[in-house]
Amino acid sequence: MSGFLTLIPNFDGDFFPKPLDELRKEAPKKQIMTGVTEYEGLMMAMINPTLSPTDNGIKLLAKESYGKDVSSNPEETQRMFYENYTKEVDKSDEFAMKKKLIEAVGDEYFNVGVLQAAKTAAKYGNDVYLYTFNYTNSDGFGMWNDMLPFKAALHGTELRYILGEGVYSKFDPNEEDLKVLEKMTTLFSNFATKRKRFK
């Protein structure tokens, strides 16, 4: 993202002896579990006032993501970004546009990177388990409840069901939450302790 990660590793050979792709290829093989939630960008898109109104928010996200430091033709890249997320959407439908903004934020900050990491790991012979977490309790958003245009699994939701903690609001599980908690803790515990038999 343009100007977003200005303090990142410099691949000059001092800290990383080879490009990361080569190091990943040479690394010992392992099992990897990674994933995203259904709407990773939901909260981030809706609590950021600079992304409102939504149409301007998508344009601003494109501009902030694809500047001259990451694109040889930033204006064209920004136009393509906007058009990709708004094609086949009635731009006067604010709810539909919000969903597209949420999708774009999720893709830019989380989804694309997680998918690329999973593909790269699999490419080099690692066993990769990629998940999308889409369960949510619509009563579990606390102070964020009225800020969201709809309720869905968002960034960090799965942590409630892995750690048993609320993350963005107090976790007061109902019966269905407890079933999901049991499934998730079993899944992650089995992955961590019984990797050879994990299916």
N, C-alpha and C. Protein backbone atom coordinates (compact mmCIF):
# COMPACT_ATOMS: atom_id res chain seq x y z
N MET A 1 0.85 -1.17 0.00
CA MET A 1 0.00 0.00 0.00
C MET A 1 0.88 1.23 0.00
N SER A 2 0.52 2.17 -0.78
CA SER A 2 1.30 3.36 -0.98
C SER A 2 1.50 4.14 0.31
N GLY A 3 2.76 4.36 0.68
CA GLY A 3 3.08 5.16 1.85
C GLY A 3 2.64 4.60 3.17
N PHE A 4 2.05 3.41 3.18
CA PHE A 4 1.47 2.85 4.40
C PHE A 4 2.52 2.15 5.25
N LEU A 5 3.37 1.38 4.62
CA LEU A 5 4.40 0.64 5.34
C LEU A 5 5.77 1.20 4.96
N THR A 6 6.10 2.34 5.50
CA THR A 6 7.36 2.98 5.12
C THR A 6 8.54 2.38 5.86
N LEU A 7 8.31 1.74 7.00
CA LEU A 7 9.39 1.13 7.76
C LEU A 7 9.27 -0.39 7.68
N ILE A 8 9.66 -0.92 6.54
CA ILE A 8 9.61 -2.37 6.33
C ILE A 8 11.00 -2.86 6.00
N PRO A 9 11.24 -4.16 6.04
CA PRO A 9 12.59 -4.67 5.75
C PRO A 9 13.10 -4.21 4.39
N ASN A 10 14.36 -3.85 4.39
CA ASN A 10 15.05 -3.47 3.16
C ASN A 10 15.81 -4.70 2.68
N PHE A 11 15.47 -5.21 1.54
CA PHE A 11 16.09 -6.44 1.04
C PHE A 11 17.44 -6.14 0.40
N ASP A 12 18.39 -5.78 1.26
CA ASP A 12 19.73 -5.41 0.77
C ASP A 12 20.77 -6.50 1.04
N GLY A 13 20.34 -7.65 1.57
CA GLY A 13 21.28 -8.74 1.81
C GLY A 13 21.87 -8.77 3.20
N ASP A 14 21.64 -7.74 4.01
CA ASP A 14 22.19 -7.71 5.37
C ASP A 14 21.39 -8.58 6.33
N PHE A 15 20.10 -8.35 6.40
CA PHE A 15 19.26 -9.09 7.34
C PHE A 15 18.73 -10.37 6.71
N PHE A 16 18.21 -10.27 5.51
CA PHE A 16 17.74 -11.43 4.76
C PHE A 16 18.81 -11.77 3.73
N PRO A 17 19.42 -12.95 3.84
CA PRO A 17 20.52 -13.28 2.92
C PRO A 17 20.07 -13.47 1.47
N LYS A 18 18.79 -13.75 1.26
CA LYS A 18 18.24 -13.98 -0.08
C LYS A 18 16.84 -13.38 -0.13
N PRO A 19 16.29 -13.22 -1.32
CA PRO A 19 14.89 -12.76 -1.40
C PRO A 19 13.96 -13.71 -0.64
N LEU A 20 12.88 -13.17 -0.09
CA LEU A 20 11.96 -13.97 0.73
C LEU A 20 11.42 -15.18 -0.02
N ASP A 21 11.16 -15.03 -1.30
CA ASP A 21 10.63 -16.16 -2.06
C ASP A 21 11.62 -17.33 -2.06
N GLU A 22 12.90 -17.03 -2.19
CA GLU A 22 13.92 -18.10 -2.15
C GLU A 22 14.02 -18.71 -0.76
N LEU A 23 13.95 -17.88 0.27
CA LEU A 23 14.02 -18.39 1.64
C LEU A 23 12.82 -19.29 1.94
N ARG A 24 11.65 -18.91 1.46
CA ARG A 24 10.47 -19.76 1.67
C ARG A 24 10.64 -21.11 0.98
N LYS A 25 11.25 -21.10 -0.18
CA LYS A 25 11.47 -22.34 -0.93
C LYS A 25 12.40 -23.27 -0.17
N GLU A 26 13.42 -22.71 0.50
CA GLU A 26 14.42 -23.50 1.21
C GLU A 26 14.00 -23.89 2.63
N ALA A 27 13.01 -23.22 3.18
CA ALA A 27 12.62 -23.44 4.57
C ALA A 27 12.07 -24.86 4.77
N PRO A 28 12.23 -25.41 5.99
CA PRO A 28 11.65 -26.73 6.26
C PRO A 28 10.14 -26.71 6.02
N LYS A 29 9.61 -27.79 5.52
CA LYS A 29 8.18 -27.88 5.23
C LYS A 29 7.39 -28.00 6.53
N LYS A 30 6.23 -27.39 6.56
CA LYS A 30 5.39 -27.42 7.76
C LYS A 30 3.93 -27.29 7.38
N GLN A 31 3.08 -27.54 8.36
CA GLN A 31 1.65 -27.31 8.16
C GLN A 31 1.34 -25.89 8.60
N ILE A 32 0.50 -25.23 7.83
CA ILE A 32 0.17 -23.84 8.09
C ILE A 32 -1.35 -23.70 8.08
N MET A 33 -1.89 -23.02 9.09
CA MET A 33 -3.31 -22.69 9.08
C MET A 33 -3.41 -21.17 9.07
N THR A 34 -4.15 -20.65 8.13
CA THR A 34 -4.35 -19.21 8.03
C THR A 34 -5.73 -18.96 7.45
N GLY A 35 -6.25 -17.79 7.70
CA GLY A 35 -7.58 -17.51 7.18
C GLY A 35 -8.04 -16.10 7.43
N VAL A 36 -9.23 -15.84 6.98
CA VAL A 36 -9.85 -14.53 7.11
C VAL A 36 -11.29 -14.71 7.56
N THR A 37 -11.90 -13.60 7.91
CA THR A 37 -13.33 -13.61 8.22
C THR A 37 -14.11 -13.20 6.97
N GLU A 38 -15.40 -13.38 7.03
CA GLU A 38 -16.25 -13.11 5.87
C GLU A 38 -16.16 -11.65 5.41
N TYR A 39 -16.13 -10.72 6.34
CA TYR A 39 -16.06 -9.29 6.02
C TYR A 39 -14.94 -8.64 6.82
N GLU A 40 -13.70 -8.93 6.46
CA GLU A 40 -12.54 -8.40 7.18
C GLU A 40 -12.57 -6.88 7.30
N GLY A 41 -13.04 -6.20 6.29
CA GLY A 41 -12.98 -4.74 6.28
C GLY A 41 -14.17 -4.04 6.88
N LEU A 42 -15.13 -4.77 7.43
CA LEU A 42 -16.39 -4.18 7.88
C LEU A 42 -16.20 -3.07 8.90
N MET A 43 -15.53 -3.35 10.00
CA MET A 43 -15.38 -2.33 11.03
C MET A 43 -14.45 -1.21 10.58
N MET A 44 -13.33 -1.58 9.97
CA MET A 44 -12.36 -0.57 9.55
C MET A 44 -12.96 0.43 8.57
N ALA A 45 -13.77 -0.06 7.64
CA ALA A 45 -14.38 0.82 6.65
C ALA A 45 -15.43 1.73 7.27
N MET A 46 -16.17 1.21 8.23
CA MET A 46 -17.30 1.97 8.75
C MET A 46 -16.93 2.95 9.86
N ILE A 47 -15.82 2.74 10.54
CA ILE A 47 -15.47 3.68 11.62
C ILE A 47 -14.48 4.74 11.14
N ASN A 48 -14.09 4.69 9.88
CA ASN A 48 -13.16 5.68 9.33
C ASN A 48 -13.95 6.78 8.63
N PRO A 49 -14.07 7.96 9.24
CA PRO A 49 -14.90 9.02 8.65
C PRO A 49 -14.38 9.53 7.31
N THR A 50 -13.10 9.35 7.02
CA THR A 50 -12.58 9.83 5.74
C THR A 50 -13.09 9.00 4.56
N LEU A 51 -13.64 7.82 4.83
CA LEU A 51 -14.14 6.96 3.76
C LEU A 51 -15.63 7.18 3.48
N SER A 52 -16.16 8.31 3.95
CA SER A 52 -17.56 8.63 3.75
C SER A 52 -17.66 9.97 3.02
N PRO A 53 -18.55 10.14 2.06
CA PRO A 53 -19.50 9.16 1.55
C PRO A 53 -18.78 8.01 0.84
N THR A 54 -19.49 6.92 0.68
CA THR A 54 -18.89 5.67 0.23
C THR A 54 -18.21 5.77 -1.12
N ASP A 55 -18.84 6.41 -2.09
CA ASP A 55 -18.25 6.53 -3.42
C ASP A 55 -16.88 7.20 -3.32
N ASN A 56 -16.81 8.28 -2.57
CA ASN A 56 -15.52 8.96 -2.37
C ASN A 56 -14.57 8.10 -1.56
N GLY A 57 -15.11 7.30 -0.65
CA GLY A 57 -14.28 6.42 0.16
C GLY A 57 -13.53 5.40 -0.68
N ILE A 58 -14.22 4.82 -1.66
CA ILE A 58 -13.56 3.85 -2.55
C ILE A 58 -12.47 4.54 -3.36
N LYS A 59 -12.76 5.75 -3.84
CA LYS A 59 -11.76 6.51 -4.60
C LYS A 59 -10.56 6.87 -3.72
N LEU A 60 -10.84 7.28 -2.49
CA LEU A 60 -9.75 7.63 -1.57
C LEU A 60 -8.90 6.40 -1.23
N LEU A 61 -9.54 5.26 -1.00
CA LEU A 61 -8.79 4.03 -0.73
C LEU A 61 -7.88 3.69 -1.90
N ALA A 62 -8.39 3.84 -3.12
CA ALA A 62 -7.58 3.59 -4.31
C ALA A 62 -6.39 4.54 -4.37
N LYS A 63 -6.64 5.81 -4.08
CA LYS A 63 -5.57 6.82 -4.13
C LYS A 63 -4.52 6.56 -3.05
N GLU A 64 -4.97 6.23 -1.86
CA GLU A 64 -4.03 5.97 -0.76
C GLU A 64 -3.27 4.66 -0.96
N SER A 65 -3.85 3.72 -1.68
CA SER A 65 -3.22 2.41 -1.86
C SER A 65 -2.24 2.38 -3.02
N TYR A 66 -2.51 3.17 -4.05
CA TYR A 66 -1.72 3.05 -5.28
C TYR A 66 -1.18 4.41 -5.72
N GLY A 67 -0.16 4.87 -5.01
CA GLY A 67 0.54 6.09 -5.38
C GLY A 67 1.73 5.78 -6.28
N LYS A 68 2.53 6.80 -6.54
CA LYS A 68 3.69 6.66 -7.42
C LYS A 68 4.73 5.69 -6.88
N ASP A 69 4.74 5.51 -5.56
CA ASP A 69 5.75 4.61 -4.98
C ASP A 69 5.44 3.14 -5.20
N VAL A 70 4.22 2.80 -5.61
CA VAL A 70 3.88 1.39 -5.85
C VAL A 70 3.31 1.12 -7.24
N SER A 71 3.09 2.17 -8.02
CA SER A 71 2.52 1.98 -9.35
C SER A 71 3.19 2.93 -10.34
N SER A 72 3.53 2.41 -11.51
CA SER A 72 4.15 3.27 -12.54
C SER A 72 3.12 4.20 -13.16
N ASN A 73 1.85 3.87 -13.07
CA ASN A 73 0.78 4.71 -13.59
C ASN A 73 -0.34 4.76 -12.54
N PRO A 74 -0.13 5.54 -11.46
CA PRO A 74 -1.10 5.50 -10.35
C PRO A 74 -2.52 5.90 -10.73
N GLU A 75 -2.67 6.89 -11.60
CA GLU A 75 -4.02 7.32 -11.97
C GLU A 75 -4.80 6.19 -12.65
N GLU A 76 -4.13 5.48 -13.56
CA GLU A 76 -4.78 4.36 -14.25
C GLU A 76 -5.09 3.23 -13.28
N THR A 77 -4.16 2.93 -12.39
CA THR A 77 -4.37 1.86 -11.40
C THR A 77 -5.53 2.21 -10.48
N GLN A 78 -5.59 3.47 -10.05
CA GLN A 78 -6.68 3.92 -9.18
C GLN A 78 -8.03 3.83 -9.89
N ARG A 79 -8.05 4.22 -11.17
CA ARG A 79 -9.28 4.13 -11.95
C ARG A 79 -9.73 2.68 -12.07
N MET A 80 -8.79 1.78 -12.38
CA MET A 80 -9.12 0.36 -12.51
C MET A 80 -9.62 -0.22 -11.19
N PHE A 81 -8.98 0.18 -10.08
CA PHE A 81 -9.39 -0.26 -8.75
C PHE A 81 -10.85 0.14 -8.51
N TYR A 82 -11.15 1.41 -8.72
CA TYR A 82 -12.51 1.91 -8.51
C TYR A 82 -13.51 1.18 -9.39
N GLU A 83 -13.18 1.05 -10.66
CA GLU A 83 -14.11 0.40 -11.60
C GLU A 83 -14.31 -1.07 -11.25
N ASN A 84 -13.26 -1.74 -10.82
CA ASN A 84 -13.38 -3.16 -10.46
C ASN A 84 -14.35 -3.36 -9.30
N TYR A 85 -14.27 -2.49 -8.30
CA TYR A 85 -15.14 -2.65 -7.13
C TYR A 85 -16.55 -2.11 -7.34
N THR A 86 -16.74 -1.23 -8.32
CA THR A 86 -18.08 -0.64 -8.48
C THR A 86 -18.81 -1.10 -9.73
N LYS A 87 -18.19 -1.98 -10.51
CA LYS A 87 -18.89 -2.46 -11.72
C LYS A 87 -20.13 -3.24 -11.30
N GLU A 88 -21.16 -3.12 -12.09
CA GLU A 88 -22.42 -3.82 -11.85
C GLU A 88 -23.07 -3.47 -10.51
N VAL A 89 -22.75 -2.29 -9.99
CA VAL A 89 -23.37 -1.81 -8.75
C VAL A 89 -24.07 -0.49 -9.05
N ASP A 90 -25.27 -0.36 -8.57
CA ASP A 90 -25.99 0.91 -8.69
C ASP A 90 -25.34 1.89 -7.71
N LYS A 91 -24.63 2.88 -8.23
CA LYS A 91 -23.87 3.79 -7.37
C LYS A 91 -24.77 4.67 -6.50
N SER A 92 -26.06 4.70 -6.80
CA SER A 92 -26.99 5.45 -5.93
C SER A 92 -27.48 4.59 -4.77
N ASP A 93 -27.17 3.30 -4.79
CA ASP A 93 -27.55 2.38 -3.71
C ASP A 93 -26.44 2.40 -2.66
N GLU A 94 -26.63 3.21 -1.64
CA GLU A 94 -25.59 3.42 -0.63
C GLU A 94 -25.21 2.12 0.09
N PHE A 95 -26.19 1.27 0.37
CA PHE A 95 -25.88 0.00 1.04
C PHE A 95 -24.99 -0.88 0.17
N ALA A 96 -25.33 -1.00 -1.11
CA ALA A 96 -24.51 -1.81 -2.04
C ALA A 96 -23.11 -1.23 -2.15
N MET A 97 -23.00 0.09 -2.18
CA MET A 97 -21.68 0.73 -2.26
C MET A 97 -20.89 0.51 -0.97
N LYS A 98 -21.57 0.54 0.18
CA LYS A 98 -20.87 0.26 1.44
C LYS A 98 -20.30 -1.15 1.44
N LYS A 99 -21.07 -2.10 0.94
CA LYS A 99 -20.56 -3.48 0.88
C LYS A 99 -19.32 -3.56 -0.01
N LYS A 100 -19.30 -2.80 -1.10
CA LYS A 100 -18.14 -2.80 -1.98
C LYS A 100 -16.94 -2.13 -1.31
N LEU A 101 -17.17 -1.05 -0.57
CA LEU A 101 -16.09 -0.41 0.18
C LEU A 101 -15.53 -1.37 1.21
N ILE A 102 -16.40 -2.05 1.93
CA ILE A 102 -15.99 -3.03 2.94
C ILE A 102 -15.17 -4.14 2.29
N GLU A 103 -15.61 -4.61 1.14
CA GLU A 103 -14.88 -5.64 0.40
C GLU A 103 -13.49 -5.13 0.01
N ALA A 104 -13.43 -3.90 -0.50
CA ALA A 104 -12.15 -3.33 -0.93
C ALA A 104 -11.18 -3.17 0.24
N VAL A 105 -11.67 -2.66 1.37
CA VAL A 105 -10.81 -2.51 2.56
C VAL A 105 -10.32 -3.88 3.02
N GLY A 106 -11.21 -4.85 3.08
CA GLY A 106 -10.82 -6.20 3.48
C GLY A 106 -9.77 -6.79 2.56
N ASP A 107 -9.96 -6.61 1.26
CA ASP A 107 -8.99 -7.14 0.30
C ASP A 107 -7.63 -6.45 0.44
N GLU A 108 -7.64 -5.13 0.54
CA GLU A 108 -6.39 -4.37 0.60
C GLU A 108 -5.58 -4.69 1.86
N TYR A 109 -6.23 -4.79 2.99
CA TYR A 109 -5.51 -4.97 4.26
C TYR A 109 -5.30 -6.43 4.65
N PHE A 110 -6.17 -7.33 4.23
CA PHE A 110 -6.10 -8.70 4.74
C PHE A 110 -6.20 -9.79 3.68
N ASN A 111 -7.29 -9.84 2.94
CA ASN A 111 -7.61 -11.00 2.11
C ASN A 111 -6.55 -11.34 1.07
N VAL A 112 -6.09 -10.34 0.34
CA VAL A 112 -5.11 -10.61 -0.72
C VAL A 112 -3.81 -11.14 -0.13
N GLY A 113 -3.33 -10.52 0.94
CA GLY A 113 -2.09 -10.97 1.57
C GLY A 113 -2.18 -12.38 2.13
N VAL A 114 -3.28 -12.69 2.77
CA VAL A 114 -3.46 -14.04 3.33
C VAL A 114 -3.51 -15.07 2.20
N LEU A 115 -4.24 -14.76 1.14
CA LEU A 115 -4.33 -15.69 0.01
C LEU A 115 -2.97 -15.88 -0.66
N GLN A 116 -2.23 -14.79 -0.85
CA GLN A 116 -0.90 -14.90 -1.46
C GLN A 116 0.04 -15.72 -0.58
N ALA A 117 -0.01 -15.51 0.72
CA ALA A 117 0.85 -16.28 1.64
C ALA A 117 0.50 -17.76 1.57
N ALA A 118 -0.79 -18.08 1.53
CA ALA A 118 -1.23 -19.48 1.46
C ALA A 118 -0.79 -20.12 0.15
N LYS A 119 -0.96 -19.40 -0.95
CA LYS A 119 -0.55 -19.93 -2.25
C LYS A 119 0.96 -20.16 -2.31
N THR A 120 1.73 -19.20 -1.80
CA THR A 120 3.19 -19.33 -1.81
C THR A 120 3.62 -20.52 -0.96
N ALA A 121 3.04 -20.66 0.22
CA ALA A 121 3.40 -21.78 1.10
C ALA A 121 3.06 -23.11 0.43
N ALA A 122 1.90 -23.20 -0.19
CA ALA A 122 1.50 -24.44 -0.87
C ALA A 122 2.40 -24.72 -2.07
N LYS A 123 2.78 -23.67 -2.76
CA LYS A 123 3.65 -23.81 -3.94
C LYS A 123 4.97 -24.50 -3.58
N TYR A 124 5.45 -24.25 -2.37
CA TYR A 124 6.73 -24.83 -1.95
C TYR A 124 6.57 -26.09 -1.10
N GLY A 125 5.40 -26.74 -1.19
CA GLY A 125 5.23 -28.05 -0.58
C GLY A 125 4.74 -28.08 0.85
N ASN A 126 4.34 -26.95 1.39
CA ASN A 126 3.78 -26.93 2.73
C ASN A 126 2.31 -27.34 2.67
N ASP A 127 1.83 -28.01 3.72
CA ASP A 127 0.41 -28.31 3.83
C ASP A 127 -0.29 -27.07 4.36
N VAL A 128 -1.20 -26.52 3.58
CA VAL A 128 -1.86 -25.27 3.95
C VAL A 128 -3.35 -25.53 4.18
N TYR A 129 -3.84 -25.04 5.30
CA TYR A 129 -5.26 -25.10 5.64
C TYR A 129 -5.76 -23.66 5.67
N LEU A 130 -6.53 -23.29 4.66
CA LEU A 130 -7.02 -21.93 4.50
C LEU A 130 -8.51 -21.90 4.86
N TYR A 131 -8.88 -20.98 5.75
CA TYR A 131 -10.28 -20.93 6.17
C TYR A 131 -10.89 -19.55 5.96
N THR A 132 -12.20 -19.54 5.84
CA THR A 132 -12.98 -18.31 5.92
C THR A 132 -13.96 -18.51 7.07
N PHE A 133 -13.88 -17.63 8.05
CA PHE A 133 -14.75 -17.73 9.22
C PHE A 133 -15.96 -16.83 8.99
N ASN A 134 -17.16 -17.41 9.00
CA ASN A 134 -18.34 -16.59 8.68
C ASN A 134 -19.45 -16.64 9.72
N TYR A 135 -19.15 -17.13 10.90
CA TYR A 135 -20.17 -17.15 11.96
C TYR A 135 -20.07 -15.87 12.78
N THR A 136 -21.21 -15.34 13.17
CA THR A 136 -21.21 -14.23 14.12
C THR A 136 -22.51 -14.25 14.92
N ASN A 137 -22.42 -13.74 16.13
CA ASN A 137 -23.59 -13.53 16.97
C ASN A 137 -23.96 -12.06 16.81
N SER A 138 -25.10 -11.77 16.25
CA SER A 138 -25.47 -10.38 15.96
C SER A 138 -25.65 -9.53 17.21
N ASP A 139 -25.68 -10.16 18.39
CA ASP A 139 -25.78 -9.40 19.64
C ASP A 139 -24.41 -9.11 20.25
N GLY A 140 -23.34 -9.47 19.57
CA GLY A 140 -22.02 -9.38 20.18
C GLY A 140 -21.14 -8.23 19.75
N PHE A 141 -21.71 -7.09 19.33
CA PHE A 141 -20.88 -6.01 18.80
C PHE A 141 -20.70 -4.84 19.76
N GLY A 142 -21.34 -4.90 20.92
CA GLY A 142 -21.13 -3.87 21.93
C GLY A 142 -21.34 -2.47 21.40
N MET A 143 -20.40 -1.58 21.71
CA MET A 143 -20.53 -0.17 21.32
C MET A 143 -20.48 0.03 19.81
N TRP A 144 -20.03 -0.96 19.06
CA TRP A 144 -19.94 -0.86 17.60
C TRP A 144 -21.28 -1.18 16.93
N ASN A 145 -22.23 -1.65 17.70
CA ASN A 145 -23.50 -2.15 17.17
C ASN A 145 -24.17 -1.20 16.17
N ASP A 146 -24.29 0.08 16.53
CA ASP A 146 -25.01 1.03 15.69
C ASP A 146 -24.15 1.64 14.59
N MET A 147 -22.85 1.36 14.58
CA MET A 147 -21.97 1.92 13.56
C MET A 147 -21.88 1.05 12.31
N LEU A 148 -22.35 -0.17 12.41
CA LEU A 148 -22.20 -1.12 11.31
C LEU A 148 -23.48 -1.20 10.49
N PRO A 149 -23.37 -1.20 9.16
CA PRO A 149 -24.57 -1.27 8.32
C PRO A 149 -25.22 -2.65 8.33
N PHE A 150 -24.47 -3.67 8.72
CA PHE A 150 -25.00 -5.02 8.86
C PHE A 150 -24.07 -5.79 9.79
N LYS A 151 -24.54 -6.90 10.31
CA LYS A 151 -23.76 -7.71 11.24
C LYS A 151 -23.21 -8.93 10.51
N ALA A 152 -21.92 -9.13 10.64
CA ALA A 152 -21.27 -10.27 10.00
C ALA A 152 -19.93 -10.49 10.68
N ALA A 153 -19.31 -11.62 10.40
CA ALA A 153 -17.97 -11.88 10.94
C ALA A 153 -17.01 -10.85 10.34
N LEU A 154 -16.32 -10.13 11.23
CA LEU A 154 -15.38 -9.10 10.79
C LEU A 154 -14.01 -9.37 11.40
N HIS A 155 -13.05 -8.52 11.10
CA HIS A 155 -11.68 -8.74 11.54
C HIS A 155 -11.62 -9.03 13.04
N GLY A 156 -11.10 -10.18 13.40
CA GLY A 156 -10.95 -10.56 14.80
C GLY A 156 -12.10 -11.37 15.38
N THR A 157 -13.20 -11.52 14.65
CA THR A 157 -14.35 -12.25 15.19
C THR A 157 -13.98 -13.67 15.60
N GLU A 158 -13.16 -14.35 14.79
CA GLU A 158 -12.84 -15.74 15.10
C GLU A 158 -12.07 -15.88 16.41
N LEU A 159 -11.39 -14.82 16.85
CA LEU A 159 -10.63 -14.90 18.11
C LEU A 159 -11.55 -15.13 19.30
N ARG A 160 -12.78 -14.65 19.22
CA ARG A 160 -13.74 -14.90 20.30
C ARG A 160 -13.93 -16.40 20.51
N TYR A 161 -13.89 -17.13 19.40
CA TYR A 161 -14.20 -18.57 19.43
C TYR A 161 -12.95 -19.44 19.50
N ILE A 162 -11.79 -18.80 19.51
CA ILE A 162 -10.53 -19.52 19.71
C ILE A 162 -10.02 -19.28 21.13
N LEU A 163 -10.12 -18.02 21.58
CA LEU A 163 -9.59 -17.63 22.89
C LEU A 163 -10.65 -17.49 23.96
N GLY A 164 -11.91 -17.38 23.55
CA GLY A 164 -12.99 -17.20 24.52
C GLY A 164 -13.02 -15.80 25.10
N GLU A 165 -12.43 -14.84 24.39
CA GLU A 165 -12.41 -13.44 24.82
C GLU A 165 -13.12 -12.59 23.78
N GLY A 166 -13.64 -11.45 24.22
CA GLY A 166 -14.48 -10.64 23.35
C GLY A 166 -13.83 -9.87 22.23
N VAL A 167 -12.60 -9.47 22.36
CA VAL A 167 -11.86 -8.66 21.40
C VAL A 167 -12.44 -7.26 21.30
N TYR A 168 -13.60 -7.06 20.67
CA TYR A 168 -14.16 -5.72 20.51
C TYR A 168 -15.40 -5.46 21.37
N SER A 169 -15.82 -6.45 22.12
CA SER A 169 -16.89 -6.28 23.11
C SER A 169 -16.84 -7.48 24.05
N LYS A 170 -17.53 -7.35 25.18
CA LYS A 170 -17.54 -8.46 26.14
C LYS A 170 -18.13 -9.70 25.48
N PHE A 171 -17.49 -10.82 25.72
CA PHE A 171 -17.97 -12.08 25.13
C PHE A 171 -18.86 -12.78 26.13
N ASP A 172 -20.16 -12.73 25.87
CA ASP A 172 -21.16 -13.37 26.71
C ASP A 172 -21.85 -14.41 25.83
N PRO A 173 -21.24 -15.60 25.69
CA PRO A 173 -21.70 -16.56 24.69
C PRO A 173 -23.08 -17.15 24.97
N ASN A 174 -23.84 -17.29 23.90
CA ASN A 174 -25.11 -18.01 23.99
C ASN A 174 -24.84 -19.48 23.63
N GLU A 175 -25.89 -20.27 23.52
CA GLU A 175 -25.72 -21.71 23.28
C GLU A 175 -25.02 -21.99 21.95
N GLU A 176 -25.41 -21.26 20.91
CA GLU A 176 -24.78 -21.46 19.59
C GLU A 176 -23.31 -21.03 19.62
N ASP A 177 -23.02 -19.92 20.31
CA ASP A 177 -21.63 -19.47 20.46
C ASP A 177 -20.78 -20.56 21.10
N LEU A 178 -21.32 -21.21 22.11
CA LEU A 178 -20.57 -22.25 22.81
C LEU A 178 -20.28 -23.44 21.90
N LYS A 179 -21.21 -23.75 21.00
CA LYS A 179 -20.96 -24.83 20.03
C LYS A 179 -19.82 -24.44 19.08
N VAL A 180 -19.85 -23.20 18.61
CA VAL A 180 -18.79 -22.74 17.71
C VAL A 180 -17.46 -22.67 18.46
N LEU A 181 -17.49 -22.21 19.69
CA LEU A 181 -16.28 -22.16 20.53
C LEU A 181 -15.67 -23.55 20.67
N GLU A 182 -16.50 -24.54 20.92
CA GLU A 182 -16.02 -25.92 21.05
C GLU A 182 -15.39 -26.41 19.76
N LYS A 183 -16.04 -26.14 18.63
CA LYS A 183 -15.49 -26.56 17.34
C LYS A 183 -14.16 -25.88 17.05
N MET A 184 -14.10 -24.58 17.28
CA MET A 184 -12.89 -23.83 16.95
C MET A 184 -11.73 -24.19 17.87
N THR A 185 -11.98 -24.29 19.17
CA THR A 185 -10.87 -24.64 20.07
C THR A 185 -10.38 -26.05 19.79
N THR A 186 -11.29 -26.95 19.45
CA THR A 186 -10.88 -28.32 19.09
C THR A 186 -10.05 -28.30 17.81
N LEU A 187 -10.52 -27.58 16.82
CA LEU A 187 -9.81 -27.49 15.55
C LEU A 187 -8.40 -26.94 15.73
N PHE A 188 -8.28 -25.82 16.42
CA PHE A 188 -6.98 -25.19 16.59
C PHE A 188 -6.08 -26.00 17.53
N SER A 189 -6.65 -26.59 18.56
CA SER A 189 -5.85 -27.44 19.46
C SER A 189 -5.32 -28.66 18.72
N ASN A 190 -6.17 -29.30 17.94
CA ASN A 190 -5.73 -30.45 17.16
C ASN A 190 -4.64 -30.06 16.17
N PHE A 191 -4.80 -28.92 15.56
CA PHE A 191 -3.78 -28.47 14.61
C PHE A 191 -2.44 -28.26 15.31
N ALA A 192 -2.48 -27.65 16.48
CA ALA A 192 -1.24 -27.34 17.20
C ALA A 192 -0.58 -28.58 17.80
N THR A 193 -1.36 -29.58 18.20
CA THR A 193 -0.78 -30.71 18.93
C THR A 193 -0.69 -32.01 18.15
N LYS A 194 -1.49 -32.14 17.10
CA LYS A 194 -1.54 -33.42 16.38
C LYS A 194 -1.37 -33.21 14.89
N ARG A 195 -0.40 -32.46 14.52
CA ARG A 195 -0.26 -32.06 13.12
C ARG A 195 -0.20 -33.23 12.15
N LYS A 196 0.44 -34.29 12.52
CA LYS A 196 0.58 -35.42 11.60
C LYS A 196 -0.78 -36.03 11.26
N ARG A 197 -1.73 -35.94 12.20
CA ARG A 197 -3.04 -36.56 12.00
C ARG A 197 -4.12 -35.54 11.67
N PHE A 198 -3.75 -34.32 11.43
CA PHE A 198 -4.74 -33.27 11.20
C PHE A 198 -5.34 -33.42 9.80
N LYS A 199 -6.63 -33.59 9.76
CA LYS A 199 -7.33 -33.72 8.47
C LYS A 199 -8.53 -32.81 8.46
